[in-house]
Amino acid sequence: MSKIDWPSVYEALAVTGVMRTTSEDFKVTEVLPMLPEGEGEHLWLYIEKVDTNTQWLARQLAQRANIESMDVSYAGLKDRHAVTQQWFSLYLPKTNPTMAEFISLDNVKILKHARGQRKLRRGQLLGNKFELCLRDVEGDKTAIESRLQELKQKGFPNYFGEQRF
C-alpha cells in the first residue's frame, strides 16, 4: 500500500515521536459560549472523565438522578481514550440532588455544578482545547522549537471541517 501525500500548511519536519501511550497524554477541554446562570430547571455539571465514553456517562447520570436519558444533554462527544472536561445538563425542575449521587462513578470527577435556565444542546460550543503529549521525540531541537513558535502564532488548521465525523 502506498503512502498518501496529504496537503499541509506547514512543511514536514524530520521529527519522530510517540503519541497517546496513556490516556493522560491526550487532554480535551470543552469551551462553551456561555455558562449556566445560577438558577433554573437544569442542573449543569462540569465533569472531568478519564477513559469514559460520553454517552455511557450521560446514561449513568440519568440513572443516578432518576430521570430519562433524554433529559441529560451535552454539547458534543469527546474522545474516550483521553482525559476530557465537558459540561452535561440534567433536566431536574423539582429536585435538587446532592453531588454525592454523582461522585461515586469511577474515573469521573465533578469539577463544578450550577443551575441553568436552559438545557445544553448538541453543537452548542465554541470548540475544544487540546493538549497532546509526545514521548520519545527525536529530531532537530531548534527546528522543533521554531515550529512550535510558528504554531503558537498562526495556529493549526482544522483538517476535519466543523465535525470530524
N, C-alpha and C. Protein backbone atom coordinates (compact mmCIF):
# COMPACT_ATOMS: atom_id res chain seq x y z
N MET A 1 0.85 -1.18 0.00
CA MET A 1 0.00 0.00 0.00
C MET A 1 0.89 1.23 0.00
N SER A 2 0.60 2.18 -0.86
CA SER A 2 1.41 3.38 -0.94
C SER A 2 0.96 4.42 0.07
N LYS A 3 1.88 5.26 0.44
CA LYS A 3 1.61 6.33 1.41
C LYS A 3 0.86 7.46 0.71
N ILE A 4 -0.15 8.00 1.37
CA ILE A 4 -0.91 9.12 0.83
C ILE A 4 -0.18 10.42 1.16
N ASP A 5 0.01 11.26 0.18
CA ASP A 5 0.70 12.53 0.38
C ASP A 5 -0.36 13.62 0.61
N TRP A 6 -0.77 13.79 1.86
CA TRP A 6 -1.81 14.76 2.20
C TRP A 6 -1.27 16.18 2.11
N PRO A 7 -2.10 17.12 1.65
CA PRO A 7 -1.65 18.51 1.64
C PRO A 7 -1.49 19.03 3.07
N SER A 8 -0.56 19.97 3.25
CA SER A 8 -0.30 20.50 4.59
C SER A 8 0.06 21.97 4.49
N VAL A 9 -0.31 22.73 5.49
CA VAL A 9 0.04 24.14 5.55
C VAL A 9 1.52 24.31 5.86
N TYR A 10 2.05 23.42 6.68
CA TYR A 10 3.44 23.52 7.11
C TYR A 10 4.30 22.46 6.43
N GLU A 11 5.55 22.82 6.15
CA GLU A 11 6.49 21.88 5.59
C GLU A 11 6.82 20.81 6.64
N ALA A 12 6.94 19.57 6.21
CA ALA A 12 7.22 18.48 7.14
C ALA A 12 8.61 18.62 7.75
N LEU A 13 8.70 18.25 9.01
CA LEU A 13 10.00 18.23 9.71
C LEU A 13 10.42 16.78 9.89
N ALA A 14 11.72 16.56 9.95
CA ALA A 14 12.25 15.22 10.21
C ALA A 14 12.22 14.99 11.72
N VAL A 15 11.04 14.73 12.24
CA VAL A 15 10.83 14.54 13.67
C VAL A 15 10.02 13.27 13.88
N THR A 16 10.39 12.50 14.88
CA THR A 16 9.60 11.32 15.24
C THR A 16 9.24 11.41 16.72
N GLY A 17 8.19 10.71 17.08
CA GLY A 17 7.76 10.67 18.47
C GLY A 17 6.61 9.70 18.60
N VAL A 18 6.22 9.45 19.82
CA VAL A 18 5.13 8.53 20.10
C VAL A 18 3.99 9.31 20.73
N MET A 19 2.77 9.13 20.18
CA MET A 19 1.58 9.83 20.69
C MET A 19 0.68 8.86 21.45
N ARG A 20 0.01 9.39 22.46
CA ARG A 20 -1.07 8.71 23.18
C ARG A 20 -0.69 7.32 23.69
N THR A 21 0.35 7.26 24.49
CA THR A 21 0.69 5.98 25.12
C THR A 21 -0.17 5.73 26.35
N THR A 22 -0.68 6.82 26.95
CA THR A 22 -1.61 6.72 28.06
C THR A 22 -2.75 7.72 27.82
N SER A 23 -3.85 7.55 28.50
CA SER A 23 -4.97 8.48 28.37
C SER A 23 -4.57 9.89 28.77
N GLU A 24 -3.69 10.00 29.75
CA GLU A 24 -3.24 11.31 30.23
C GLU A 24 -2.43 12.08 29.19
N ASP A 25 -2.00 11.39 28.13
CA ASP A 25 -1.25 12.05 27.07
C ASP A 25 -2.13 12.88 26.15
N PHE A 26 -3.44 12.73 26.25
CA PHE A 26 -4.36 13.48 25.39
C PHE A 26 -5.46 14.08 26.26
N LYS A 27 -5.51 15.42 26.31
CA LYS A 27 -6.50 16.11 27.13
C LYS A 27 -7.36 17.00 26.25
N VAL A 28 -8.66 16.95 26.50
CA VAL A 28 -9.62 17.75 25.74
C VAL A 28 -10.44 18.56 26.74
N THR A 29 -10.49 19.87 26.53
CA THR A 29 -11.28 20.75 27.38
C THR A 29 -12.30 21.48 26.51
N GLU A 30 -13.55 21.31 26.85
CA GLU A 30 -14.65 21.92 26.10
C GLU A 30 -14.74 23.42 26.40
N VAL A 31 -15.02 24.22 25.38
CA VAL A 31 -15.17 25.66 25.54
C VAL A 31 -16.58 26.04 25.09
N LEU A 32 -17.38 26.54 26.03
CA LEU A 32 -18.76 26.92 25.72
C LEU A 32 -18.88 28.43 25.51
N PRO A 33 -19.90 28.85 24.77
CA PRO A 33 -20.11 30.29 24.57
C PRO A 33 -20.73 30.97 25.77
N MET A 34 -21.31 30.18 26.68
CA MET A 34 -21.94 30.73 27.88
C MET A 34 -21.88 29.68 28.99
N LEU A 35 -22.15 30.11 30.20
CA LEU A 35 -22.19 29.21 31.34
C LEU A 35 -23.56 29.32 31.99
N PRO A 36 -23.92 28.36 32.82
CA PRO A 36 -25.23 28.42 33.48
C PRO A 36 -25.35 29.67 34.36
N GLU A 37 -26.58 30.19 34.44
CA GLU A 37 -26.83 31.47 35.12
C GLU A 37 -26.81 31.37 36.65
N GLY A 38 -27.04 30.17 37.19
CA GLY A 38 -27.05 30.02 38.64
C GLY A 38 -28.41 29.64 39.19
N GLU A 39 -29.44 29.71 38.35
CA GLU A 39 -30.78 29.28 38.76
C GLU A 39 -31.51 28.75 37.54
N GLY A 40 -32.48 27.87 37.79
CA GLY A 40 -33.26 27.32 36.69
C GLY A 40 -33.55 25.85 36.89
N GLU A 41 -34.22 25.27 35.91
CA GLU A 41 -34.68 23.88 35.99
C GLU A 41 -33.61 22.85 35.62
N HIS A 42 -32.47 23.31 35.12
CA HIS A 42 -31.44 22.39 34.65
C HIS A 42 -30.22 22.45 35.57
N LEU A 43 -29.77 21.28 35.98
CA LEU A 43 -28.53 21.18 36.75
C LEU A 43 -27.40 20.93 35.76
N TRP A 44 -26.43 21.83 35.73
CA TRP A 44 -25.27 21.68 34.87
C TRP A 44 -24.11 21.14 35.69
N LEU A 45 -23.43 20.15 35.15
CA LEU A 45 -22.28 19.54 35.81
C LEU A 45 -21.07 19.65 34.89
N TYR A 46 -19.99 20.22 35.39
CA TYR A 46 -18.74 20.27 34.64
C TYR A 46 -17.90 19.11 35.14
N ILE A 47 -17.65 18.16 34.25
CA ILE A 47 -17.09 16.88 34.65
C ILE A 47 -15.76 16.61 33.96
N GLU A 48 -14.83 16.08 34.74
CA GLU A 48 -13.60 15.54 34.15
C GLU A 48 -13.74 14.03 34.16
N LYS A 49 -13.50 13.43 33.00
CA LYS A 49 -13.61 11.98 32.91
C LYS A 49 -12.37 11.41 32.24
N VAL A 50 -12.00 10.21 32.64
CA VAL A 50 -10.83 9.53 32.10
C VAL A 50 -11.28 8.19 31.55
N ASP A 51 -10.90 7.90 30.30
CA ASP A 51 -11.26 6.60 29.68
C ASP A 51 -12.76 6.32 29.79
N THR A 52 -13.57 7.33 29.57
CA THR A 52 -15.02 7.18 29.75
C THR A 52 -15.75 7.73 28.55
N ASN A 53 -16.67 6.94 28.02
CA ASN A 53 -17.49 7.30 26.88
C ASN A 53 -18.55 8.32 27.29
N THR A 54 -18.73 9.38 26.50
CA THR A 54 -19.69 10.45 26.82
C THR A 54 -21.11 9.92 26.94
N GLN A 55 -21.54 9.10 25.99
CA GLN A 55 -22.91 8.60 26.01
C GLN A 55 -23.15 7.67 27.19
N TRP A 56 -22.17 6.85 27.52
CA TRP A 56 -22.30 5.97 28.69
C TRP A 56 -22.45 6.81 29.95
N LEU A 57 -21.63 7.86 30.08
CA LEU A 57 -21.70 8.70 31.26
C LEU A 57 -23.06 9.41 31.34
N ALA A 58 -23.58 9.86 30.23
CA ALA A 58 -24.90 10.51 30.23
C ALA A 58 -25.97 9.54 30.76
N ARG A 59 -25.90 8.28 30.36
CA ARG A 59 -26.86 7.28 30.86
C ARG A 59 -26.68 7.06 32.36
N GLN A 60 -25.43 7.03 32.82
CA GLN A 60 -25.17 6.86 34.26
C GLN A 60 -25.72 8.04 35.07
N LEU A 61 -25.55 9.26 34.54
CA LEU A 61 -26.06 10.44 35.23
C LEU A 61 -27.58 10.39 35.30
N ALA A 62 -28.23 9.97 34.22
CA ALA A 62 -29.69 9.86 34.20
C ALA A 62 -30.16 8.84 35.24
N GLN A 63 -29.48 7.72 35.28
CA GLN A 63 -29.84 6.67 36.25
C GLN A 63 -29.70 7.17 37.68
N ARG A 64 -28.62 7.84 37.99
CA ARG A 64 -28.40 8.33 39.35
C ARG A 64 -29.36 9.46 39.73
N ALA A 65 -29.79 10.25 38.74
CA ALA A 65 -30.72 11.35 39.01
C ALA A 65 -32.17 10.88 38.91
N ASN A 66 -32.35 9.62 38.53
CA ASN A 66 -33.69 9.04 38.38
C ASN A 66 -34.53 9.81 37.35
N ILE A 67 -33.89 10.09 36.19
CA ILE A 67 -34.57 10.77 35.09
C ILE A 67 -34.34 9.98 33.80
N GLU A 68 -35.06 10.33 32.76
CA GLU A 68 -34.90 9.68 31.46
C GLU A 68 -33.57 10.10 30.83
N SER A 69 -32.99 9.22 30.04
CA SER A 69 -31.73 9.53 29.36
C SER A 69 -31.85 10.77 28.48
N MET A 70 -33.03 10.97 27.89
CA MET A 70 -33.22 12.14 27.03
C MET A 70 -33.20 13.46 27.80
N ASP A 71 -33.27 13.39 29.13
CA ASP A 71 -33.22 14.60 29.97
C ASP A 71 -31.79 14.97 30.38
N VAL A 72 -30.82 14.23 29.85
CA VAL A 72 -29.41 14.55 30.06
C VAL A 72 -28.85 14.97 28.70
N SER A 73 -28.20 16.12 28.67
CA SER A 73 -27.66 16.57 27.39
C SER A 73 -26.22 17.04 27.54
N TYR A 74 -25.54 17.13 26.40
CA TYR A 74 -24.15 17.56 26.34
C TYR A 74 -23.93 18.18 24.97
N ALA A 75 -22.90 19.01 24.86
CA ALA A 75 -22.65 19.73 23.61
C ALA A 75 -22.04 18.85 22.53
N GLY A 76 -21.26 17.87 22.92
CA GLY A 76 -20.64 17.01 21.91
C GLY A 76 -19.93 15.84 22.53
N LEU A 77 -19.65 14.86 21.70
CA LEU A 77 -18.93 13.67 22.15
C LEU A 77 -17.45 14.01 22.29
N LYS A 78 -16.82 13.43 23.27
CA LYS A 78 -15.39 13.62 23.50
C LYS A 78 -14.69 12.27 23.39
N ASP A 79 -13.40 12.33 23.11
CA ASP A 79 -12.62 11.11 22.97
C ASP A 79 -12.71 10.26 24.23
N ARG A 80 -12.87 8.97 24.02
CA ARG A 80 -12.95 8.06 25.17
C ARG A 80 -11.58 7.83 25.80
N HIS A 81 -10.59 7.63 24.98
CA HIS A 81 -9.25 7.31 25.49
C HIS A 81 -8.47 8.61 25.69
N ALA A 82 -8.90 9.37 26.69
CA ALA A 82 -8.32 10.68 26.97
C ALA A 82 -8.80 11.14 28.33
N VAL A 83 -8.26 12.27 28.77
CA VAL A 83 -8.78 12.99 29.93
C VAL A 83 -9.57 14.15 29.34
N THR A 84 -10.87 14.16 29.59
CA THR A 84 -11.72 15.20 28.99
C THR A 84 -12.48 15.96 30.07
N GLN A 85 -12.72 17.23 29.79
CA GLN A 85 -13.53 18.07 30.66
C GLN A 85 -14.66 18.63 29.82
N GLN A 86 -15.90 18.34 30.26
CA GLN A 86 -17.05 18.80 29.50
C GLN A 86 -18.26 19.00 30.40
N TRP A 87 -19.21 19.79 29.88
CA TRP A 87 -20.45 20.07 30.61
C TRP A 87 -21.55 19.10 30.21
N PHE A 88 -22.37 18.74 31.19
CA PHE A 88 -23.61 17.99 30.98
C PHE A 88 -24.71 18.80 31.65
N SER A 89 -25.93 18.74 31.10
CA SER A 89 -27.06 19.35 31.79
C SER A 89 -28.12 18.29 32.01
N LEU A 90 -28.75 18.36 33.18
CA LEU A 90 -29.79 17.41 33.56
C LEU A 90 -31.06 18.19 33.87
N TYR A 91 -32.15 17.78 33.25
CA TYR A 91 -33.43 18.45 33.49
C TYR A 91 -33.98 17.95 34.82
N LEU A 92 -33.91 18.82 35.84
CA LEU A 92 -34.33 18.48 37.20
C LEU A 92 -35.12 19.65 37.78
N PRO A 93 -36.35 19.88 37.28
CA PRO A 93 -37.09 21.07 37.72
C PRO A 93 -37.56 21.03 39.17
N LYS A 94 -37.77 19.85 39.71
CA LYS A 94 -38.37 19.78 41.05
C LYS A 94 -37.46 19.15 42.09
N THR A 95 -36.25 18.82 41.71
CA THR A 95 -35.34 18.18 42.67
C THR A 95 -34.01 18.93 42.70
N ASN A 96 -33.34 18.77 43.80
CA ASN A 96 -32.02 19.37 43.96
C ASN A 96 -31.11 18.30 44.57
N PRO A 97 -30.59 17.40 43.70
CA PRO A 97 -29.80 16.29 44.22
C PRO A 97 -28.48 16.77 44.83
N THR A 98 -27.98 15.97 45.75
CA THR A 98 -26.65 16.25 46.29
C THR A 98 -25.62 15.71 45.30
N MET A 99 -24.47 16.28 45.31
CA MET A 99 -23.43 15.82 44.38
C MET A 99 -22.96 14.42 44.75
N ALA A 100 -23.25 13.97 45.96
CA ALA A 100 -22.86 12.63 46.39
C ALA A 100 -23.46 11.57 45.48
N GLU A 101 -24.61 11.87 44.88
CA GLU A 101 -25.25 10.90 43.98
C GLU A 101 -24.43 10.67 42.72
N PHE A 102 -23.57 11.61 42.37
CA PHE A 102 -22.84 11.51 41.11
C PHE A 102 -21.36 11.22 41.27
N ILE A 103 -20.81 11.40 42.47
CA ILE A 103 -19.36 11.30 42.61
C ILE A 103 -18.84 9.88 42.77
N SER A 104 -19.72 8.90 42.82
CA SER A 104 -19.26 7.53 43.02
C SER A 104 -18.89 6.83 41.72
N LEU A 105 -18.90 7.53 40.62
CA LEU A 105 -18.54 6.92 39.34
C LEU A 105 -17.03 6.84 39.20
N ASP A 106 -16.52 5.69 38.80
CA ASP A 106 -15.08 5.53 38.58
C ASP A 106 -14.63 6.43 37.44
N ASN A 107 -13.46 7.01 37.58
CA ASN A 107 -12.83 7.83 36.54
C ASN A 107 -13.62 9.09 36.20
N VAL A 108 -14.50 9.52 37.11
CA VAL A 108 -15.33 10.71 36.87
C VAL A 108 -15.23 11.62 38.08
N LYS A 109 -14.96 12.92 37.81
CA LYS A 109 -14.87 13.89 38.88
C LYS A 109 -15.71 15.11 38.51
N ILE A 110 -16.58 15.55 39.41
CA ILE A 110 -17.35 16.76 39.17
C ILE A 110 -16.50 17.95 39.59
N LEU A 111 -16.21 18.83 38.63
CA LEU A 111 -15.37 19.99 38.90
C LEU A 111 -16.19 21.20 39.32
N LYS A 112 -17.38 21.36 38.72
CA LYS A 112 -18.28 22.48 39.04
C LYS A 112 -19.71 22.02 38.83
N HIS A 113 -20.62 22.71 39.47
CA HIS A 113 -22.04 22.48 39.21
C HIS A 113 -22.80 23.78 39.45
N ALA A 114 -23.84 23.98 38.65
CA ALA A 114 -24.66 25.19 38.77
C ALA A 114 -26.00 24.95 38.08
N ARG A 115 -26.97 25.73 38.46
CA ARG A 115 -28.29 25.67 37.82
C ARG A 115 -28.32 26.58 36.61
N GLY A 116 -29.13 26.18 35.61
CA GLY A 116 -29.27 26.98 34.40
C GLY A 116 -30.71 27.03 33.92
N GLN A 117 -31.04 28.07 33.18
CA GLN A 117 -32.40 28.26 32.64
C GLN A 117 -32.67 27.31 31.47
N ARG A 118 -31.64 26.97 30.72
CA ARG A 118 -31.80 26.17 29.51
C ARG A 118 -30.93 24.93 29.55
N LYS A 119 -31.33 23.96 28.76
CA LYS A 119 -30.51 22.76 28.64
C LYS A 119 -29.36 23.02 27.68
N LEU A 120 -28.32 22.28 27.84
CA LEU A 120 -27.18 22.32 26.94
C LEU A 120 -27.57 21.56 25.68
N ARG A 121 -27.30 22.12 24.53
CA ARG A 121 -27.69 21.50 23.27
C ARG A 121 -26.47 21.02 22.48
N ARG A 122 -26.68 19.98 21.66
CA ARG A 122 -25.63 19.47 20.80
C ARG A 122 -25.09 20.59 19.92
N GLY A 123 -23.80 20.66 19.80
CA GLY A 123 -23.15 21.65 18.96
C GLY A 123 -23.03 23.02 19.59
N GLN A 124 -23.55 23.18 20.80
CA GLN A 124 -23.54 24.48 21.48
C GLN A 124 -22.19 24.68 22.18
N LEU A 125 -21.14 24.77 21.39
CA LEU A 125 -19.83 25.01 21.96
C LEU A 125 -19.00 25.82 20.99
N LEU A 126 -18.07 26.57 21.54
CA LEU A 126 -17.16 27.35 20.70
C LEU A 126 -16.09 26.44 20.10
N GLY A 127 -15.74 25.40 20.81
CA GLY A 127 -14.73 24.46 20.34
C GLY A 127 -14.14 23.69 21.49
N ASN A 128 -13.03 23.08 21.25
CA ASN A 128 -12.31 22.31 22.25
C ASN A 128 -10.85 22.73 22.26
N LYS A 129 -10.25 22.71 23.44
CA LYS A 129 -8.81 22.92 23.57
C LYS A 129 -8.18 21.54 23.73
N PHE A 130 -7.06 21.35 23.08
CA PHE A 130 -6.40 20.06 23.11
C PHE A 130 -4.98 20.20 23.67
N GLU A 131 -4.59 19.23 24.47
CA GLU A 131 -3.21 19.09 24.93
C GLU A 131 -2.77 17.69 24.53
N LEU A 132 -1.64 17.63 23.86
CA LEU A 132 -1.13 16.36 23.39
C LEU A 132 0.32 16.21 23.85
N CYS A 133 0.60 15.13 24.52
CA CYS A 133 1.96 14.85 25.00
C CYS A 133 2.64 13.91 24.00
N LEU A 134 3.78 14.33 23.50
CA LEU A 134 4.58 13.47 22.63
C LEU A 134 5.73 12.91 23.44
N ARG A 135 5.96 11.63 23.31
CA ARG A 135 7.02 10.97 24.06
C ARG A 135 8.13 10.50 23.09
N ASP A 136 9.31 10.37 23.60
CA ASP A 136 10.45 9.87 22.83
C ASP A 136 10.64 10.68 21.53
N VAL A 137 10.57 11.99 21.65
CA VAL A 137 10.72 12.86 20.48
C VAL A 137 12.18 12.91 20.06
N GLU A 138 12.40 12.73 18.76
CA GLU A 138 13.75 12.80 18.19
C GLU A 138 13.71 13.70 16.97
N GLY A 139 14.73 14.55 16.83
CA GLY A 139 14.81 15.45 15.69
C GLY A 139 15.58 16.70 16.08
N ASP A 140 15.68 17.61 15.14
CA ASP A 140 16.41 18.87 15.33
C ASP A 140 15.64 19.75 16.32
N LYS A 141 16.20 19.91 17.52
CA LYS A 141 15.52 20.65 18.58
C LYS A 141 15.23 22.10 18.16
N THR A 142 16.15 22.75 17.47
CA THR A 142 15.95 24.13 17.03
C THR A 142 14.78 24.21 16.05
N ALA A 143 14.70 23.27 15.12
CA ALA A 143 13.60 23.25 14.15
C ALA A 143 12.27 23.00 14.85
N ILE A 144 12.27 22.13 15.84
CA ILE A 144 11.04 21.84 16.59
C ILE A 144 10.58 23.08 17.35
N GLU A 145 11.50 23.74 18.05
CA GLU A 145 11.15 24.96 18.80
C GLU A 145 10.63 26.05 17.86
N SER A 146 11.24 26.19 16.71
CA SER A 146 10.81 27.18 15.73
C SER A 146 9.40 26.88 15.24
N ARG A 147 9.13 25.61 14.96
CA ARG A 147 7.79 25.21 14.50
C ARG A 147 6.74 25.44 15.60
N LEU A 148 7.08 25.16 16.82
CA LEU A 148 6.15 25.39 17.92
C LEU A 148 5.81 26.87 18.05
N GLN A 149 6.79 27.73 17.87
CA GLN A 149 6.53 29.18 17.91
C GLN A 149 5.63 29.59 16.75
N GLU A 150 5.86 29.02 15.58
CA GLU A 150 5.04 29.31 14.40
C GLU A 150 3.60 28.85 14.63
N LEU A 151 3.43 27.68 15.21
CA LEU A 151 2.09 27.18 15.52
C LEU A 151 1.40 28.06 16.54
N LYS A 152 2.17 28.53 17.52
CA LYS A 152 1.61 29.41 18.55
C LYS A 152 1.09 30.70 17.92
N GLN A 153 1.81 31.23 16.96
CA GLN A 153 1.40 32.48 16.30
C GLN A 153 0.27 32.28 15.30
N LYS A 154 0.38 31.26 14.45
CA LYS A 154 -0.55 31.09 13.33
C LYS A 154 -1.67 30.08 13.59
N GLY A 155 -1.46 29.20 14.57
CA GLY A 155 -2.46 28.18 14.84
C GLY A 155 -2.27 26.95 13.98
N PHE A 156 -3.15 26.00 14.19
CA PHE A 156 -3.12 24.73 13.46
C PHE A 156 -4.43 24.58 12.71
N PRO A 157 -4.38 24.33 11.41
CA PRO A 157 -5.63 24.26 10.64
C PRO A 157 -6.50 23.07 11.04
N ASN A 158 -7.80 23.26 10.92
CA ASN A 158 -8.75 22.19 11.18
C ASN A 158 -8.93 21.40 9.88
N TYR A 159 -8.23 20.30 9.76
CA TYR A 159 -8.28 19.50 8.55
C TYR A 159 -9.56 18.65 8.45
N PHE A 160 -10.38 18.67 9.49
CA PHE A 160 -11.54 17.80 9.55
C PHE A 160 -12.86 18.51 9.28
N GLY A 161 -12.87 19.82 9.13
CA GLY A 161 -14.12 20.54 8.96
C GLY A 161 -14.76 20.80 10.32
N GLU A 162 -16.04 21.19 10.30
CA GLU A 162 -16.72 21.53 11.55
C GLU A 162 -16.77 20.37 12.51
N GLN A 163 -17.04 19.18 12.01
CA GLN A 163 -17.08 17.99 12.84
C GLN A 163 -16.23 16.92 12.17
N ARG A 164 -15.55 16.14 12.96
CA ARG A 164 -14.72 15.08 12.40
C ARG A 164 -15.54 13.96 11.81
N PHE A 165 -16.70 13.68 12.42
CA PHE A 165 -17.46 12.51 11.99
C PHE A 165 -18.81 12.94 11.49
